[in-house]
Protein backbone atom coordinates (compact mmCIF):
# COMPACT_ATOMS: atom_id res chain seq x y z
CA UNK A 1 -0.07 0.21 -0.11
CA UNK A 2 1.05 3.39 -0.90
CA UNK A 3 2.17 5.97 1.70
CA UNK A 4 -0.52 8.06 2.99
CA UNK A 5 0.86 11.10 4.53
CA UNK A 6 -2.85 12.24 5.96
CA UNK A 7 -2.69 8.25 7.98
CA UNK A 8 0.39 9.57 9.34
CA UNK A 9 0.19 13.02 10.33
CA UNK A 10 -0.96 13.05 13.48
CA UNK A 11 1.79 10.57 14.48
CA UNK A 12 4.67 12.71 13.27
CA UNK A 13 2.94 16.14 14.50
CA UNK A 14 1.73 15.21 18.12
CA UNK A 15 4.52 16.93 19.62
CA UNK A 16 4.57 20.19 17.74
CA UNK A 17 1.19 22.15 18.39
CA UNK A 18 1.61 25.14 16.30
CA UNK A 19 2.54 22.90 13.28
CA UNK A 20 -0.26 20.52 13.95
CA UNK A 21 -2.87 23.23 14.15
CA UNK A 22 -1.93 24.98 10.77
CA UNK A 23 -2.15 21.47 9.34
CA UNK A 24 -5.38 20.79 9.82
CA UNK A 25 -5.94 23.93 7.67
CA UNK A 26 -3.93 22.17 4.63
CA UNK A 27 -4.53 19.84 1.88
CA UNK A 28 -2.36 16.90 1.19
CA UNK A 29 -2.15 15.57 -1.68
CA UNK A 30 -0.13 12.75 -3.13
CA UNK A 31 1.82 13.59 -6.90
CA UNK A 32 4.31 11.29 -8.19
CA UNK A 33 5.29 14.14 -10.54
CA UNK A 34 7.46 15.82 -8.08
CA UNK A 35 10.38 14.04 -6.70
CA UNK A 36 10.00 15.18 -3.01
CA UNK A 37 7.47 18.07 -1.45
CA UNK A 38 6.22 21.61 -2.49
CA UNK A 39 3.59 23.80 -1.16
CA UNK A 40 1.13 25.81 -3.35
CA UNK A 41 -2.36 27.52 -3.64
CA UNK A 42 -5.64 26.41 -5.20
CA UNK A 43 -6.82 28.77 -7.72
CA UNK A 44 -10.14 28.02 -7.46
CA UNK A 45 -10.25 28.56 -3.32
CA UNK A 46 -7.35 30.03 -2.46
CA UNK A 47 -6.39 26.82 -0.14
CA UNK A 48 -3.20 25.80 0.37
CA UNK A 49 -1.89 22.80 -0.54
CA UNK A 50 1.13 20.39 0.56
CA UNK A 51 2.18 18.07 -2.62
CA UNK A 52 4.31 15.14 -1.55
CA UNK A 53 5.65 12.11 -3.27
CA UNK A 54 4.57 9.00 -1.58
CA UNK A 55 7.57 6.91 -2.23
CA UNK A 56 10.02 9.58 -0.92
CA UNK A 57 8.01 10.37 2.12
CA UNK A 58 8.04 6.15 2.59
CA UNK A 59 11.87 6.11 2.55
CA UNK A 60 12.33 8.90 4.93
CA UNK A 61 12.92 8.20 9.00
CA UNK A 62 9.90 9.56 10.99
CA UNK A 63 12.24 12.88 12.04
CA UNK A 64 13.65 13.79 8.63
CA UNK A 65 9.44 13.39 7.58
CA UNK A 66 8.60 15.70 10.52
CA UNK A 67 11.71 17.77 9.34
CA UNK A 68 10.29 18.40 5.75
CA UNK A 69 6.64 19.01 6.59
CA UNK A 70 7.84 21.80 8.81
CA UNK A 71 10.20 23.23 6.06
CA UNK A 72 6.62 23.35 3.82
CA UNK A 73 5.08 24.71 6.09
CA UNK A 74 7.59 27.60 7.12
CA UNK A 75 7.46 28.37 3.38
CA UNK A 76 3.52 29.26 3.92
CA UNK A 77 3.94 30.97 7.42
CA UNK A 78 6.56 33.49 5.40
CA UNK A 79 5.03 34.19 2.64
CA UNK A 80 7.44 32.86 -0.15
CA UNK A 81 4.03 30.96 -1.84
CA UNK A 82 1.74 34.25 -2.01
CA UNK A 83 3.85 37.49 -2.01
CA UNK A 84 7.13 37.41 -0.53
CA UNK A 85 9.39 37.87 -3.69
CA UNK A 86 12.58 40.55 -4.57
CA UNK A 87 12.34 42.89 -7.10
CA UNK A 88 13.81 40.18 -9.55
CA UNK A 89 11.10 37.53 -8.94
CA UNK A 90 10.72 34.24 -8.72
CA UNK A 91 14.36 33.05 -9.77
CA UNK A 92 16.64 30.16 -8.69
CA UNK A 93 18.34 32.55 -6.14
CA UNK A 94 15.48 33.27 -4.27
CA UNK A 95 14.92 29.20 -4.47
CA UNK A 96 17.91 29.12 -2.44
CA UNK A 97 17.52 32.21 -0.11
CA UNK A 98 14.32 30.98 1.10
CA UNK A 99 15.51 27.89 1.81
CA UNK A 100 18.62 29.03 3.89
CA UNK A 101 16.21 30.76 6.03
CA UNK A 102 14.15 28.21 6.83
CA UNK A 103 16.99 25.57 7.16
CA UNK A 104 18.82 27.43 9.55
CA UNK A 105 15.71 26.42 12.06
CA UNK A 106 15.77 22.82 10.81
CA UNK A 107 19.30 21.58 11.65
CA UNK A 108 19.81 17.92 11.91
CA UNK A 109 15.65 17.21 11.35
CA UNK A 110 16.41 17.13 7.44
CA UNK A 111 17.78 14.94 4.37
CA UNK A 112 20.93 15.06 3.55
CA UNK A 113 22.23 17.35 0.81
CA UNK A 114 19.81 20.44 1.34
CA UNK A 115 21.17 24.08 1.74
CA UNK A 116 22.38 24.65 5.24
CA UNK A 117 24.23 27.66 5.97
CA UNK A 118 27.22 26.97 8.48
CA UNK A 119 28.15 23.55 7.10
CA UNK A 120 30.92 22.51 5.09
CA UNK A 121 30.25 23.06 1.58
CA UNK A 122 28.71 25.40 -0.81
CA UNK A 123 27.38 27.57 2.39
CA UNK A 124 29.54 27.17 4.79
CA UNK A 125 30.58 31.17 5.06
CA UNK A 126 27.19 32.12 5.11
CA UNK A 127 26.12 32.50 9.02
CA UNK A 128 22.88 30.85 9.91
CA UNK A 129 19.54 32.69 11.11
CA UNK A 130 19.32 35.33 8.67
CA UNK A 131 16.15 36.59 6.56
CA UNK A 132 15.54 35.33 3.12
CA UNK A 133 16.50 38.62 1.44
CA UNK A 134 19.73 38.78 3.13
CA UNK A 135 20.86 35.28 1.93
CA UNK A 136 19.74 36.56 -1.80
CA UNK A 137 21.83 39.83 -1.63
CA UNK A 138 24.94 37.69 -0.27
CA UNK A 139 24.16 34.76 -3.21
CA UNK A 140 23.58 37.44 -6.13
CA UNK A 141 26.74 39.69 -5.02
CA UNK A 142 28.57 36.48 -5.15
CA UNK A 143 27.26 34.57 -8.35
CA UNK A 144 30.74 32.72 -9.12
CA UNK A 145 30.79 31.05 -5.64
CA UNK A 146 27.29 29.88 -5.51
CA UNK A 147 26.07 28.92 -9.25
CA UNK A 148 23.87 29.81 -11.82
CA UNK A 149 20.38 30.98 -12.09
CA UNK A 150 18.65 27.64 -13.62
CA UNK A 151 15.85 25.46 -13.19
CA UNK A 152 13.92 24.82 -9.67
CA UNK A 153 16.35 22.45 -8.04
CA UNK A 154 20.13 22.59 -7.99
CA UNK A 155 20.40 20.72 -11.20
CA UNK A 156 17.41 22.38 -12.89
CA UNK A 157 15.09 19.11 -11.45
CA UNK A 158 14.75 19.55 -7.96
CA UNK A 159 15.94 16.35 -7.99
CA UNK A 160 17.83 15.12 -4.53
CA UNK A 161 19.23 12.27 -6.09
CA UNK A 162 20.90 14.57 -9.02
CA UNK A 163 22.60 16.91 -7.16
CA UNK A 164 25.93 18.32 -6.79
CA UNK A 165 28.39 17.29 -4.50
CA UNK A 166 28.71 20.82 -3.27
CA UNK A 167 27.50 21.22 0.09
CA UNK A 168 23.73 21.44 -0.48
CA UNK A 169 20.86 22.35 -2.96
CA UNK A 170 16.94 22.20 -2.83
CA UNK A 171 15.47 19.11 -2.14
CA UNK A 172 11.89 20.25 -2.09
CA UNK A 173 10.26 21.65 -5.38
CA UNK A 174 9.02 25.50 -5.66
CA UNK A 175 7.49 25.24 -8.80
CA UNK A 176 3.70 25.56 -7.53
CA UNK A 177 4.91 29.74 -6.35
CA UNK A 178 3.93 31.13 -9.70
CA UNK A 179 1.24 29.20 -10.77
CA UNK A 180 -1.73 30.96 -8.85
CA UNK A 181 -3.45 34.52 -10.06
CA UNK A 182 -2.84 37.39 -7.70
CA UNK A 183 -6.33 37.31 -6.48
CA UNK A 184 -5.75 33.78 -5.56
CA UNK A 185 -2.65 34.59 -3.72
CA UNK A 186 -4.49 37.55 -1.75
CA UNK A 187 -7.18 35.15 -0.64
CA UNK A 188 -4.78 32.65 0.64
CA UNK A 189 -2.91 35.47 2.47
CA UNK A 190 -6.06 36.45 4.38
CA UNK A 191 -6.67 32.97 4.86
CA UNK A 192 -3.18 32.50 6.50
CA UNK A 193 -3.60 35.35 9.08
CA UNK A 194 -6.32 33.48 10.24
CA UNK A 195 -4.73 29.80 10.22
CA UNK A 196 -1.15 31.18 12.18
CA UNK A 197 -4.04 33.29 14.48
CA UNK A 198 -5.59 30.31 15.74
CA UNK A 199 -2.82 27.73 15.52
CA UNK A 200 -0.88 30.32 18.29
CA UNK A 201 -3.61 30.28 20.04
CA UNK A 202 -4.16 27.20 20.39
CA UNK A 203 -0.44 27.00 21.59
CA UNK A 204 -0.98 30.17 24.19
CA UNK A 205 -4.00 28.19 25.58
CA UNK A 206 -1.50 25.87 27.26
CA UNK A 207 -0.59 23.30 24.65
CA UNK A 208 2.66 25.15 24.00
CA UNK A 209 4.55 25.72 20.63
CA UNK A 210 6.63 22.87 20.84
CA UNK A 211 10.18 23.04 18.74
CA UNK A 212 9.19 26.85 17.97
CA UNK A 213 11.96 28.74 19.15
CA UNK A 214 10.91 32.18 20.93
CA UNK A 215 12.45 34.22 18.46
CA UNK A 216 10.73 32.40 15.53
CA UNK A 217 7.24 32.99 17.46
CA UNK A 218 8.04 36.61 17.84
CA UNK A 219 8.80 36.75 14.05
CA UNK A 220 5.74 34.79 13.12
CA UNK A 221 3.56 36.75 15.45
CA UNK A 222 4.66 40.39 14.28
CA UNK A 223 4.78 39.29 10.23
CA UNK A 224 1.71 37.18 10.10
CA UNK A 225 -1.04 38.41 13.41
CA UNK A 226 0.40 41.80 13.66
CA UNK A 227 -1.08 42.66 10.40
CA UNK A 228 -4.74 43.51 10.55
CA UNK A 229 -7.15 41.24 8.22
CA UNK A 230 -8.45 43.36 5.21
CA UNK A 231 -12.01 42.43 5.52
CA UNK A 232 -13.02 42.55 1.79
CA UNK A 233 -10.46 39.90 0.93
CA UNK A 234 -11.64 37.82 3.74
CA UNK A 235 -15.35 37.86 2.34
CA UNK A 236 -14.13 37.60 -1.16
CA UNK A 237 -12.21 34.22 0.33
CA UNK A 238 -15.39 33.34 2.11
CA UNK A 239 -17.87 33.04 -1.05
CA UNK A 240 -15.42 31.73 -3.04
CA UNK A 241 -14.58 28.87 -0.80
CA UNK A 242 -18.41 28.49 -0.46
CA UNK A 243 -18.99 27.69 -4.31
CA UNK A 244 -20.12 24.56 -5.17
CA UNK A 245 -19.23 22.70 -9.02
CA UNK A 246 -22.15 22.32 -11.27
CA UNK A 247 -21.76 19.97 -13.89
CA UNK A 248 -23.13 19.37 -17.15
CA UNK A 249 -22.19 17.32 -20.40
CA UNK A 250 -21.17 19.68 -23.43
CA UNK A 251 -20.45 18.51 -27.16
CA UNK A 252 -18.37 21.83 -27.04
CA UNK A 253 -15.73 20.14 -24.69
CA UNK A 254 -13.76 17.45 -25.65
CA UNK A 255 -13.91 14.28 -23.08
CA UNK A 256 -10.46 13.22 -22.28
CA UNK A 257 -11.31 9.72 -21.14
CA UNK A 258 -13.35 9.36 -24.06
CA UNK A 259 -12.25 11.14 -27.02
CA UNK A 260 -15.28 12.27 -29.81
CA UNK A 261 -16.99 8.94 -28.38
CA UNK A 262 -18.84 10.93 -25.22
CA UNK A 263 -19.47 14.58 -25.08
CA UNK A 264 -16.93 16.19 -22.45
CA UNK A 265 -18.39 17.96 -18.95
CA UNK A 266 -18.39 21.61 -18.50
CA UNK A 267 -18.27 22.59 -14.63
CA UNK A 268 -19.33 25.82 -13.66
CA UNK A 269 -18.84 27.40 -10.27
CA UNK A 270 -21.52 29.09 -8.17
CA UNK A 271 -22.28 30.00 -4.56
CA UNK A 272 -25.89 30.71 -3.29
CA UNK A 273 -24.84 32.99 0.06
CA UNK A 274 -27.06 34.16 2.73
CA UNK A 275 -26.67 37.75 4.01
CA UNK A 276 -28.36 38.27 7.11
CA UNK A 277 -28.43 41.91 8.15
CA UNK A 278 -29.36 43.26 11.86
CA UNK A 279 -31.52 45.50 12.07
CA UNK A 280 -31.01 46.97 15.53
CA UNK A 281 -29.79 50.53 15.92
CA UNK A 282 -26.18 49.77 17.07
CA UNK A 283 -25.50 48.63 13.28
CA UNK A 284 -24.33 51.63 11.87
CA UNK A 285 -25.49 53.45 8.44
CA UNK A 286 -21.56 53.81 7.75
CA UNK A 287 -20.83 49.95 8.65
CA UNK A 288 -24.20 49.02 6.06
CA UNK A 289 -22.76 51.14 3.22
CA UNK A 290 -19.29 49.89 3.23
CA UNK A 291 -20.96 46.23 3.25
CA UNK A 292 -23.04 46.78 0.56
CA UNK A 293 -20.70 48.69 -1.64
CA UNK A 294 -18.67 45.50 -1.40
CA UNK A 295 -21.40 42.92 -2.06
CA UNK A 296 -21.94 44.73 -5.24
CA UNK A 297 -18.31 43.95 -6.48
CA UNK A 298 -18.56 40.48 -5.10
CA UNK A 299 -22.45 39.67 -6.84
CA UNK A 300 -20.23 39.11 -10.29
CA UNK A 301 -18.89 35.88 -8.30
CA UNK A 302 -21.98 34.59 -6.92
CA UNK A 303 -26.06 35.30 -5.80
CA UNK A 304 -27.06 36.58 -2.54
CA UNK A 305 -30.10 36.46 -0.40
CA UNK A 306 -30.48 39.31 1.52
CA UNK A 307 -32.41 38.80 4.96
CA UNK A 308 -33.37 41.33 7.38
CA UNK A 309 -33.60 39.94 11.03
CA UNK A 310 -34.11 41.53 14.29
CA UNK A 311 -35.55 38.89 16.93
CA UNK A 312 -37.87 37.29 13.65
CA UNK A 313 -36.76 37.23 10.05
CA UNK A 314 -39.26 39.52 7.87
CA UNK A 315 -39.74 37.31 4.78
CA UNK A 316 -41.43 39.73 2.94
CA UNK A 317 -38.41 41.94 2.84
CA UNK A 318 -36.51 39.05 2.01
CA UNK A 319 -34.92 39.79 -1.73
CA UNK A 320 -32.14 37.77 -4.28
CA UNK A 321 -29.32 40.11 -5.31
CA UNK A 322 -28.07 38.11 -8.48
CA UNK A 323 -25.12 38.24 -9.95
CA UNK A 324 -23.91 41.63 -11.43
CA UNK A 325 -26.60 43.59 -9.82
CA UNK A 326 -25.94 46.68 -7.75
CA UNK A 327 -28.02 48.05 -4.46
CA UNK A 328 -27.91 50.44 -2.14
CA UNK A 329 -27.60 50.11 1.74
CA UNK A 330 -30.89 49.63 3.09
CA UNK A 331 -32.20 49.73 7.08
CA UNK A 332 -35.72 48.29 6.81
CA UNK A 333 -36.35 47.87 9.96
CA UNK A 334 -35.51 48.38 13.59
CA UNK A 335 -35.39 46.19 16.79
CA UNK A 336 -34.19 43.31 18.79
CA UNK A 337 -31.55 40.79 18.12
CA UNK A 338 -32.27 36.89 17.79
CA UNK A 339 -29.58 35.21 15.53
CA UNK A 340 -31.74 31.92 16.07
CA UNK A 341 -33.79 33.56 13.77
CA UNK A 342 -31.91 33.71 10.52
CA UNK A 343 -29.94 30.53 11.21
CA UNK A 344 -33.00 28.08 11.34
CA UNK A 345 -34.13 30.05 8.55
CA UNK A 346 -31.04 29.45 6.14
CA UNK A 347 -31.05 25.85 7.59
CA UNK A 348 -34.45 24.94 6.16
CA UNK A 349 -33.48 26.56 2.48
CA UNK A 350 -30.30 25.02 2.39
CA UNK A 351 -27.74 27.51 1.45
CA UNK A 352 -24.07 27.44 0.57
CA UNK A 353 -22.75 30.00 3.04
CA UNK A 354 -24.00 32.39 5.52
CA UNK A 355 -22.94 35.55 6.48
CA UNK A 356 -24.14 37.67 9.57
CA UNK A 357 -23.86 41.17 9.88
CA UNK A 358 -24.27 42.06 13.02
CA UNK A 359 -22.88 44.33 16.59
CA UNK A 360 -22.76 40.76 18.08
CA UNK A 361 -24.90 41.62 20.89
CA UNK A 362 -27.07 38.45 21.50
CA UNK A 363 -27.17 35.34 22.57
CA UNK A 364 -25.01 32.34 20.92
CA UNK A 365 -27.51 30.70 18.30
CA UNK A 366 -27.88 26.93 16.86
CA UNK A 367 -25.08 25.06 14.92
CA UNK A 368 -25.51 26.12 11.35
CA UNK A 369 -25.81 23.74 8.29
CA UNK A 370 -23.43 25.74 6.21
CA UNK A 371 -20.37 27.48 7.02
CA UNK A 372 -20.95 31.03 9.04
CA UNK A 373 -19.27 33.96 9.93
CA UNK A 374 -20.08 37.01 11.43
CA UNK A 375 -19.20 40.58 10.52
CA UNK A 376 -18.93 43.25 12.66
CA UNK A 377 -17.24 46.32 14.07
CA UNK A 378 -14.46 46.72 16.28
CA UNK A 379 -16.32 47.15 19.28
CA UNK A 380 -18.46 43.90 18.55
CA UNK A 381 -15.45 41.92 17.52
CA UNK A 382 -13.31 42.93 20.96
CA UNK A 383 -16.57 42.24 22.93
CA UNK A 384 -18.87 39.83 21.75
CA UNK A 385 -22.36 38.52 23.67
CA UNK A 386 -20.98 34.49 23.34
CA UNK A 387 -17.82 32.39 22.09
CA UNK A 388 -17.35 30.97 18.91
CA UNK A 389 -14.81 29.20 16.77
CA UNK A 390 -16.50 30.63 13.42
CA UNK A 391 -14.82 33.88 11.91
CA UNK A 392 -16.09 37.34 13.41
CA UNK A 393 -14.17 39.77 10.62
CA UNK A 394 -13.74 43.76 11.50
CA UNK A 395 -15.35 45.82 8.77
CA UNK A 396 -13.00 49.10 9.17
CA UNK A 397 -15.17 51.96 8.06
């Protein structure tokens, strides 16, 4: 039976609470077309993906399997996959520089032959624990010492069995870094902030950080958690991850398995999102206007059903906001608040996602049948009436 990383992930990370928490939000996909492992972003959803070669992982000792996982997760944490690039863009020098920065923190945990500063070989003159940018400058200023700028690995392939015996090359694949669109990367960046924030909160609650050093914790918090979420990007991410695939036969598309025998399948993606708007007076007109303005842009991606509520849903005021339409903000009622009312309505009518615009001042509602997100002002986020693991996003106006 082929090595299944999903089956082994708990035993690999049971002593690494921070990485274990991150891992739950990362898809793991076996891929024999890459020699070792790599990370990327799903174009359609903004989800992070860890690709791995089962045969490669199966041959590694336990500690090196864990080291490779941590190496890949660090690429995500430090935004190498989404945005952090020098002016020259994605080059082999930058690939090596990012590996040197990460591997400084993983000494003794990785397979032989990887880029390791301060060790005998090509990078022995370079000190450990520097940033990717520092290593990039050091390498590009002394190109004659560090080779050319070709390919994805040291020999252009990223194959760990085809490396020069000169003190280290890349062992993982960076080929997925440049693929996704800017929109997918922006969604992934916002998702990363949320992932790291939740993982760090788990660690601080008593589980501990495992082998993550204090200096690394501070860097992670400063780089990721210290940057506030962009509510517009989070809203876009929520809608895109709520999309469901709709398939239909069409003769215009060639069937890959049975070309010219059976029709192909056209896949369209759409989402029907419930937008519940709290009608209490504490939800400001400015927040309503900002929220409705952004929905006008996002109506290109999905259909929205706008549900006014206070302590009940006012069904005669519900309207369908179809793709491409624009609507001005509107307050139709003003009263108390009961989150059970819109949640029950959404559960019965089977939406793909549920967004509640509110001041957060009401008891915790019943469980939602689809993913649910709360959008509020800073006061509502800081002092919610109830605790929840669901996303609470601040609309800055």
